[in-house]
Amino acid sequence: MRFLLALSCLFVVACSAGGTDGTLVLGSAGPWTEGYGQMCRRGIELARDEINAVGGIRGAKLEIIFLDDSADGAVAARVARQFVDNPEVVGVIGHMSSGAMLAAAHVYNAGQLAAVATTVTTPALSGISPWILRVIASDSVNGVQLANAATRLGYQRAAVLYENDGYGRGLSASFRRAFKGRVISNDPIAGDISNAEPYVAWFKRERPDVVLVAGNDASALVVLREARRQQLTTQFIGGDGWTPIVQDTAVSEGALVGAPFTPADPRPEARAFVQAFRAKFNMDPDANAALGYDAARTLARALEAEGPNRAGIRDWLHALTAETAVRGATGPIRFLPSGDRVGNGMVITRARQGALVVEGAR
């Protein structure tokens, strides 16, 4: 019996010691074939490569297992189960979408594996589990900042389109609550919308001062292209899901984007990240890349401090203070008891010639 107990203990130690080849392993989940997912993955890969270039963590190479969740809740739950059941995985970077993260959160909670979400902003994630954290502010904060920006710029009548998911509904709701003017419409759209003609025609007739599209870049570009086709000059505004729209330079020109990061950020950590990203990928990073980078670096710091100990990593993340916060590309990173990030809002930017130029301040 003592022999079996000793053997069992040795097995547990081996399982908590990282990869079988001496590596330390993190999982990462997102929609890697989507444009915003590809940018996030580039940021994560940059963080991994920088860490390994200086000797890894505790002398061990950092390995990241990427699994695609298709931004789908059912798929995300299966991916989370794979990570939980793999004893080599000691933390997870992701997920990226609200529905995926909410579905996966219960799996991580039951399996006691810390997951640091990158771009999930739904208020429904706040406090869902001590094992779930995020490096981006909640929509309850972001929507208020978008509404305040619209008010500050003098807009009195707003129309809202929102993707009918956790992200779209949450951002729309917080914007509408905070907007000081009148919201004249609030309509759901599909994330894969292909025809925005009826909505834009209605906007052209009713002439709102500003239109919020609470969704990701794919739906945003469909709406913006239709607005250009109909020569609608109303101001359009979006949240963090809009940051990739500048890849379509002509269509995005003049749009307002609430971004958790911009390459124009003058802070030393941001400048260093931008330079490294440009050198590796020959392009500017967007907020998805910066948040992926910061989530990866934050988990790596926890792994360096606690070793491959799942509970220790969770506790270290929750214990971060203003003095010990991780200095990320998007600013200092520490967490509220709810798992929400402390104090990180967004930069109000305007799309100009393929770049996001700062319009306001945090």
Protein backbone atom coordinates (compact mmCIF):
# COMPACT_ATOMS: atom_id res chain seq x y z
CA MET A 1 0.00 0.00 0.00
CA ARG A 2 2.84 2.42 0.92
CA PHE A 3 4.52 1.61 -2.40
CA LEU A 4 1.31 2.35 -4.30
CA LEU A 5 0.82 5.62 -2.38
CA ALA A 6 4.38 6.69 -3.10
CA LEU A 7 3.98 5.79 -6.75
CA SER A 8 0.74 7.80 -6.86
CA CYS A 9 2.45 10.84 -5.36
CA LEU A 10 5.28 10.59 -7.86
CA PHE A 11 2.73 10.45 -10.67
CA VAL A 12 1.01 13.62 -9.38
CA VAL A 13 4.34 15.45 -9.18
CA ALA A 14 5.23 14.36 -12.69
CA CYS A 15 1.86 15.53 -13.98
CA SER A 16 2.36 18.97 -12.44
CA ALA A 17 5.87 19.37 -13.80
CA GLY A 18 4.97 20.49 -17.30
CA GLY A 19 5.67 18.70 -20.55
CA THR A 20 7.24 15.30 -20.63
CA ASP A 21 10.22 16.71 -22.54
CA GLY A 22 10.98 19.31 -19.87
CA THR A 23 8.87 22.06 -21.40
CA LEU A 24 6.29 24.16 -19.61
CA VAL A 25 2.95 24.13 -21.38
CA LEU A 26 0.11 26.61 -21.75
CA GLY A 27 -3.01 26.10 -23.83
CA SER A 28 -4.52 28.77 -26.04
CA ALA A 29 -7.98 28.86 -27.61
CA GLY A 30 -9.54 31.14 -30.19
CA PRO A 31 -10.92 31.29 -33.73
CA TRP A 32 -7.50 31.09 -35.34
CA THR A 33 -8.75 31.17 -38.95
CA GLU A 34 -10.54 34.51 -38.44
CA GLY A 35 -8.65 37.75 -39.03
CA TYR A 36 -8.92 38.90 -35.43
CA GLY A 37 -7.94 35.44 -34.22
CA GLN A 38 -4.86 35.42 -36.43
CA MET A 39 -3.76 38.76 -34.99
CA CYS A 40 -4.24 37.53 -31.43
CA ARG A 41 -2.27 34.38 -32.18
CA ARG A 42 0.59 36.45 -33.59
CA GLY A 43 0.76 38.37 -30.32
CA ILE A 44 0.82 35.14 -28.31
CA GLU A 45 3.52 33.65 -30.55
CA LEU A 46 5.63 36.79 -30.15
CA ALA A 47 5.41 36.53 -26.36
CA ARG A 48 6.37 32.85 -26.48
CA ASP A 49 9.33 33.47 -28.77
CA GLU A 50 10.61 36.39 -26.68
CA ILE A 51 10.45 34.29 -23.52
CA ASN A 52 12.24 31.34 -25.10
CA ALA A 53 14.89 33.60 -26.62
CA VAL A 54 16.05 34.60 -23.15
CA GLY A 55 16.13 31.09 -21.72
CA GLY A 56 12.49 30.24 -21.21
CA ILE A 57 10.90 29.93 -17.78
CA ARG A 58 12.95 28.43 -14.97
CA GLY A 59 15.29 27.18 -17.65
CA ALA A 60 12.50 25.33 -19.47
CA LYS A 61 11.13 26.11 -22.91
CA LEU A 62 7.61 27.53 -23.02
CA GLU A 63 5.30 25.60 -25.32
CA ILE A 64 1.81 26.75 -26.29
CA ILE A 65 -0.82 24.36 -27.62
CA PHE A 66 -3.20 26.20 -29.95
CA LEU A 67 -6.70 24.76 -30.39
CA ASP A 68 -9.36 26.39 -32.56
CA ASP A 69 -12.72 26.97 -30.87
CA SER A 70 -14.43 28.53 -33.95
CA ALA A 71 -15.86 31.18 -31.56
CA ASP A 72 -18.54 28.57 -30.82
CA GLY A 73 -19.67 27.69 -27.31
CA ALA A 74 -20.03 23.94 -27.84
CA VAL A 75 -16.63 23.68 -29.53
CA ALA A 76 -15.06 25.88 -26.84
CA ALA A 77 -16.35 23.61 -24.08
CA ARG A 78 -14.77 20.60 -25.81
CA VAL A 79 -11.49 22.48 -26.22
CA ALA A 80 -11.56 23.44 -22.55
CA ARG A 81 -12.09 19.79 -21.62
CA GLN A 82 -9.03 18.82 -23.66
CA PHE A 83 -6.93 21.37 -21.80
CA VAL A 84 -8.28 20.39 -18.38
CA ASP A 85 -7.67 16.70 -19.04
CA ASN A 86 -4.10 17.28 -20.23
CA PRO A 87 -1.92 17.31 -17.08
CA GLU A 88 0.86 19.11 -18.96
CA VAL A 89 -1.31 22.23 -19.47
CA VAL A 90 -1.01 24.53 -16.45
CA GLY A 91 -2.92 27.57 -17.73
CA VAL A 92 -4.90 28.77 -20.74
CA ILE A 93 -4.71 31.93 -22.85
CA GLY A 94 -8.20 32.60 -24.14
CA HIS A 95 -10.87 32.36 -25.25
CA MET A 96 -11.61 35.33 -27.52
CA SER A 97 -15.41 35.48 -27.89
CA SER A 98 -18.04 35.91 -25.20
CA GLY A 99 -20.08 32.83 -26.07
CA ALA A 100 -17.00 30.63 -26.24
CA MET A 101 -15.60 31.87 -22.93
CA LEU A 102 -18.87 31.58 -21.07
CA ALA A 103 -19.30 27.99 -22.24
CA ALA A 104 -15.70 27.08 -21.42
CA ALA A 105 -15.65 28.83 -18.04
CA HIS A 106 -17.68 26.11 -16.31
CA VAL A 107 -15.27 23.46 -17.59
CA TYR A 108 -12.24 25.36 -16.32
CA ASN A 109 -13.93 25.95 -12.98
CA ALA A 110 -14.74 22.27 -12.51
CA GLY A 111 -11.28 21.25 -13.71
CA GLN A 112 -9.51 23.92 -11.62
CA LEU A 113 -7.46 25.38 -14.47
CA ALA A 114 -6.85 29.13 -14.77
CA ALA A 115 -7.87 30.74 -18.07
CA VAL A 116 -7.01 34.35 -18.91
CA ALA A 117 -9.40 35.62 -21.58
CA THR A 118 -7.95 37.97 -24.16
CA THR A 119 -10.78 39.90 -25.84
CA VAL A 120 -13.93 38.79 -23.98
CA THR A 121 -15.81 41.82 -22.71
CA THR A 122 -19.27 40.53 -21.75
CA PRO A 123 -20.35 41.59 -18.24
CA ALA A 124 -21.69 38.05 -17.75
CA LEU A 125 -18.11 36.84 -17.26
CA SER A 126 -17.51 38.98 -14.17
CA GLY A 127 -17.20 36.77 -11.09
CA ILE A 128 -18.21 33.62 -12.93
CA SER A 129 -15.32 31.66 -11.40
CA PRO A 130 -12.08 32.37 -9.49
CA TRP A 131 -10.33 30.43 -12.26
CA ILE A 132 -11.45 32.90 -14.96
CA LEU A 133 -9.76 36.27 -15.52
CA ARG A 134 -9.41 38.67 -18.45
CA VAL A 135 -6.95 41.30 -19.66
CA ILE A 136 -9.62 43.54 -21.21
CA ALA A 137 -12.22 45.70 -19.53
CA SER A 138 -15.85 44.60 -19.33
CA ASP A 139 -18.45 46.04 -21.71
CA SER A 140 -20.05 47.64 -18.68
CA VAL A 141 -17.01 49.94 -18.76
CA ASN A 142 -16.42 50.04 -22.52
CA GLY A 143 -19.98 50.94 -23.50
CA VAL A 144 -19.94 53.84 -21.05
CA GLN A 145 -16.71 55.17 -22.55
CA LEU A 146 -18.11 54.95 -26.09
CA ALA A 147 -21.27 56.76 -24.99
CA ASN A 148 -19.23 59.44 -23.22
CA ALA A 149 -17.11 59.93 -26.34
CA ALA A 150 -20.21 60.29 -28.50
CA THR A 151 -21.66 62.83 -26.06
CA ARG A 152 -18.37 64.72 -25.86
CA LEU A 153 -18.29 65.01 -29.64
CA GLY A 154 -21.73 66.58 -29.61
CA TYR A 155 -23.90 63.75 -30.94
CA GLN A 156 -27.52 63.90 -29.78
CA ARG A 157 -29.31 61.12 -31.68
CA ALA A 158 -27.87 57.61 -31.82
CA ALA A 159 -28.89 54.44 -33.61
CA VAL A 160 -27.59 51.04 -32.53
CA LEU A 161 -27.00 47.78 -34.36
CA TYR A 162 -25.74 44.89 -32.24
CA GLU A 163 -24.64 41.35 -32.96
CA ASN A 164 -27.10 39.16 -31.11
CA ASP A 165 -24.58 37.51 -28.80
CA GLY A 166 -23.09 38.21 -25.39
CA TYR A 167 -20.63 40.76 -26.71
CA GLY A 168 -23.06 42.70 -28.87
CA ARG A 169 -25.88 42.75 -26.33
CA GLY A 170 -23.60 43.78 -23.47
CA LEU A 171 -21.90 46.60 -25.36
CA SER A 172 -25.20 47.87 -26.73
CA ALA A 173 -26.88 47.86 -23.31
CA SER A 174 -24.11 49.75 -21.53
CA PHE A 175 -23.89 52.31 -24.36
CA ARG A 176 -27.64 52.95 -24.30
CA ARG A 177 -27.70 53.36 -20.53
CA ALA A 178 -24.87 55.91 -20.58
CA PHE A 179 -25.65 57.89 -23.73
CA LYS A 180 -26.86 61.38 -22.78
CA GLY A 181 -28.84 61.93 -25.97
CA ARG A 182 -31.68 59.92 -27.53
CA VAL A 183 -31.30 56.39 -28.86
CA ILE A 184 -33.70 56.21 -31.80
CA SER A 185 -33.26 52.50 -32.63
CA ASN A 186 -31.67 49.34 -31.28
CA ASP A 187 -31.68 46.40 -33.69
CA PRO A 188 -30.02 42.96 -33.64
CA ILE A 189 -27.97 41.70 -36.59
CA ALA A 190 -26.27 38.40 -37.33
CA GLY A 191 -22.51 38.19 -36.93
CA ASP A 192 -22.32 36.88 -40.48
CA ILE A 193 -24.64 39.52 -41.94
CA SER A 194 -24.23 39.83 -45.70
CA ASN A 195 -26.76 42.53 -46.55
CA ALA A 196 -27.03 45.76 -44.57
CA GLU A 197 -29.04 47.65 -47.19
CA PRO A 198 -32.31 47.94 -45.18
CA TYR A 199 -30.55 49.26 -42.08
CA VAL A 200 -28.47 51.81 -43.95
CA ALA A 201 -31.48 52.97 -45.96
CA TRP A 202 -33.34 53.57 -42.69
CA PHE A 203 -30.37 55.49 -41.25
CA LYS A 204 -30.24 57.61 -44.41
CA ARG A 205 -33.89 58.51 -43.96
CA GLU A 206 -33.86 59.09 -40.18
CA ARG A 207 -30.40 60.73 -40.05
CA PRO A 208 -29.02 59.78 -36.62
CA ASP A 209 -25.92 61.73 -35.61
CA VAL A 210 -24.01 58.57 -34.76
CA VAL A 211 -24.46 54.83 -35.32
CA LEU A 212 -22.97 52.30 -32.93
CA VAL A 213 -22.39 48.86 -34.43
CA ALA A 214 -21.73 46.57 -31.47
CA GLY A 215 -19.98 43.66 -33.12
CA ASN A 216 -16.78 42.43 -34.69
CA ASP A 217 -14.98 43.64 -37.77
CA ALA A 218 -16.77 41.32 -40.21
CA SER A 219 -20.24 42.75 -39.55
CA ALA A 220 -18.78 46.24 -39.23
CA LEU A 221 -17.28 46.14 -42.70
CA VAL A 222 -20.53 44.93 -44.25
CA VAL A 223 -22.36 47.89 -42.71
CA LEU A 224 -19.63 50.40 -43.56
CA ARG A 225 -19.41 49.24 -47.18
CA GLU A 226 -23.16 49.61 -47.58
CA ALA A 227 -23.03 53.05 -45.98
CA ARG A 228 -20.38 54.10 -48.47
CA ARG A 229 -22.42 52.65 -51.35
CA GLN A 230 -25.44 54.68 -50.26
CA GLN A 231 -23.25 57.74 -49.59
CA LEU A 232 -24.37 57.93 -45.98
CA THR A 233 -22.18 60.40 -44.07
CA THR A 234 -23.41 59.61 -40.54
CA GLN A 235 -20.63 59.00 -38.01
CA PHE A 236 -20.08 55.30 -37.23
CA ILE A 237 -18.54 54.05 -33.99
CA GLY A 238 -17.56 50.62 -32.67
CA GLY A 239 -15.79 48.96 -29.79
CA ASP A 240 -12.72 46.76 -29.51
CA GLY A 241 -14.14 44.27 -32.02
CA TRP A 242 -13.66 46.93 -34.70
CA THR A 243 -9.88 47.30 -34.45
CA PRO A 244 -9.11 45.21 -37.59
CA ILE A 245 -11.36 47.33 -39.85
CA VAL A 246 -8.44 49.57 -40.83
CA GLN A 247 -7.24 46.76 -43.09
CA ASP A 248 -9.90 48.09 -45.47
CA THR A 249 -8.46 51.57 -45.68
CA ALA A 250 -11.11 53.23 -47.83
CA VAL A 251 -14.20 51.85 -46.08
CA SER A 252 -12.95 52.42 -42.54
CA GLU A 253 -11.77 56.00 -43.09
CA GLY A 254 -13.21 58.31 -40.44
CA ALA A 255 -14.82 55.62 -38.28
CA LEU A 256 -14.44 55.97 -34.52
CA VAL A 257 -13.09 52.91 -32.72
CA GLY A 258 -12.84 52.36 -28.99
CA ALA A 259 -9.63 50.37 -28.82
CA PRO A 260 -7.89 48.88 -25.80
CA PHE A 261 -4.62 49.48 -27.63
CA THR A 262 -3.18 51.57 -30.43
CA PRO A 263 0.30 51.36 -32.00
CA ALA A 264 0.55 55.11 -31.37
CA ASP A 265 0.65 54.57 -27.58
CA PRO A 266 3.86 56.31 -26.40
CA ARG A 267 4.49 54.19 -23.28
CA PRO A 268 7.82 52.30 -23.37
CA GLU A 269 6.13 48.89 -23.02
CA ALA A 270 3.83 49.65 -25.93
CA ARG A 271 6.65 50.98 -28.11
CA ALA A 272 8.79 47.91 -27.45
CA PHE A 273 5.89 45.60 -28.32
CA VAL A 274 5.09 47.46 -31.54
CA GLN A 275 8.71 47.38 -32.68
CA ALA A 276 9.07 43.67 -31.93
CA PHE A 277 5.78 42.85 -33.65
CA ARG A 278 6.73 44.81 -36.76
CA ALA A 279 10.11 43.09 -36.90
CA LYS A 280 8.58 39.62 -36.67
CA PHE A 281 5.45 39.98 -38.80
CA ASN A 282 6.14 43.03 -41.00
CA MET A 283 2.87 44.69 -39.97
CA ASP A 284 1.45 46.82 -37.18
CA PRO A 285 -0.23 45.02 -34.27
CA ASP A 286 -3.84 45.71 -33.36
CA ALA A 287 -5.58 45.39 -30.02
CA ASN A 288 -6.18 41.66 -30.53
CA ALA A 289 -2.44 41.11 -30.92
CA ALA A 290 -1.61 43.28 -27.91
CA LEU A 291 -4.14 41.54 -25.66
CA GLY A 292 -2.94 38.09 -26.73
CA TYR A 293 0.62 39.17 -26.02
CA ASP A 294 -0.29 40.53 -22.60
CA ALA A 295 -2.32 37.46 -21.59
CA ALA A 296 0.57 35.19 -22.57
CA ARG A 297 3.17 37.28 -20.73
CA THR A 298 0.96 37.49 -17.64
CA LEU A 299 0.50 33.72 -17.43
CA ALA A 300 4.20 33.25 -18.09
CA ARG A 301 5.00 35.52 -15.14
CA ALA A 302 2.70 33.46 -12.94
CA LEU A 303 4.35 30.28 -14.17
CA GLU A 304 7.78 31.71 -13.42
CA ALA A 305 6.70 32.64 -9.88
CA GLU A 306 4.76 29.51 -8.97
CA GLY A 307 6.04 26.80 -11.27
CA PRO A 308 3.66 24.38 -13.00
CA ASN A 309 1.11 24.53 -10.18
CA ARG A 310 -2.44 25.20 -11.37
CA ALA A 311 -3.74 26.49 -8.04
CA GLY A 312 -0.59 28.50 -7.42
CA ILE A 313 -0.91 30.22 -10.79
CA ARG A 314 -4.52 31.19 -10.05
CA ASP A 315 -3.60 32.55 -6.63
CA TRP A 316 -0.64 34.52 -7.98
CA LEU A 317 -2.81 36.19 -10.61
CA HIS A 318 -5.38 37.24 -8.02
CA ALA A 319 -2.67 38.55 -5.69
CA LEU A 320 -1.27 41.13 -8.13
CA THR A 321 -1.26 44.67 -6.73
CA ALA A 322 -0.59 48.14 -8.11
CA GLU A 323 3.06 47.63 -7.16
CA THR A 324 3.41 44.12 -8.63
CA ALA A 325 1.16 44.55 -11.69
CA VAL A 326 2.47 43.09 -14.94
CA ARG A 327 3.62 45.92 -17.21
CA GLY A 328 1.88 45.02 -20.43
CA ALA A 329 1.64 46.48 -23.89
CA THR A 330 -1.90 47.61 -22.99
CA GLY A 331 -0.93 48.99 -19.57
CA PRO A 332 -0.50 47.61 -16.04
CA ILE A 333 -2.29 44.30 -15.52
CA ARG A 334 -3.90 43.23 -12.26
CA PHE A 335 -7.31 41.89 -11.40
CA LEU A 336 -10.37 42.54 -9.28
CA PRO A 337 -11.76 39.64 -7.21
CA SER A 338 -14.29 39.21 -10.03
CA GLY A 339 -11.46 38.42 -12.46
CA ASP A 340 -12.01 41.69 -14.32
CA ARG A 341 -8.98 43.79 -15.12
CA VAL A 342 -8.38 46.81 -12.90
CA GLY A 343 -8.48 50.25 -14.41
CA ASN A 344 -7.99 49.51 -18.10
CA GLY A 345 -10.43 51.36 -20.33
CA MET A 346 -9.98 52.20 -23.95
CA VAL A 347 -8.52 54.79 -26.25
CA ILE A 348 -10.99 56.53 -28.56
CA THR A 349 -9.38 56.43 -31.98
CA ARG A 350 -10.32 57.41 -35.53
CA ALA A 351 -9.44 55.40 -38.62
CA ARG A 352 -7.09 57.47 -40.76
CA GLN A 353 -5.33 56.09 -43.84
CA GLY A 354 -5.21 52.54 -42.54
CA ALA A 355 -4.25 53.36 -38.95
CA LEU A 356 -6.03 54.12 -35.69
CA VAL A 357 -5.14 57.66 -34.64
CA VAL A 358 -5.88 58.75 -31.07
CA GLU A 359 -9.03 60.89 -30.93
CA GLY A 360 -9.42 61.12 -27.15
CA ALA A 361 -7.85 59.72 -24.01
CA ARG A 362 -8.42 56.83 -21.61
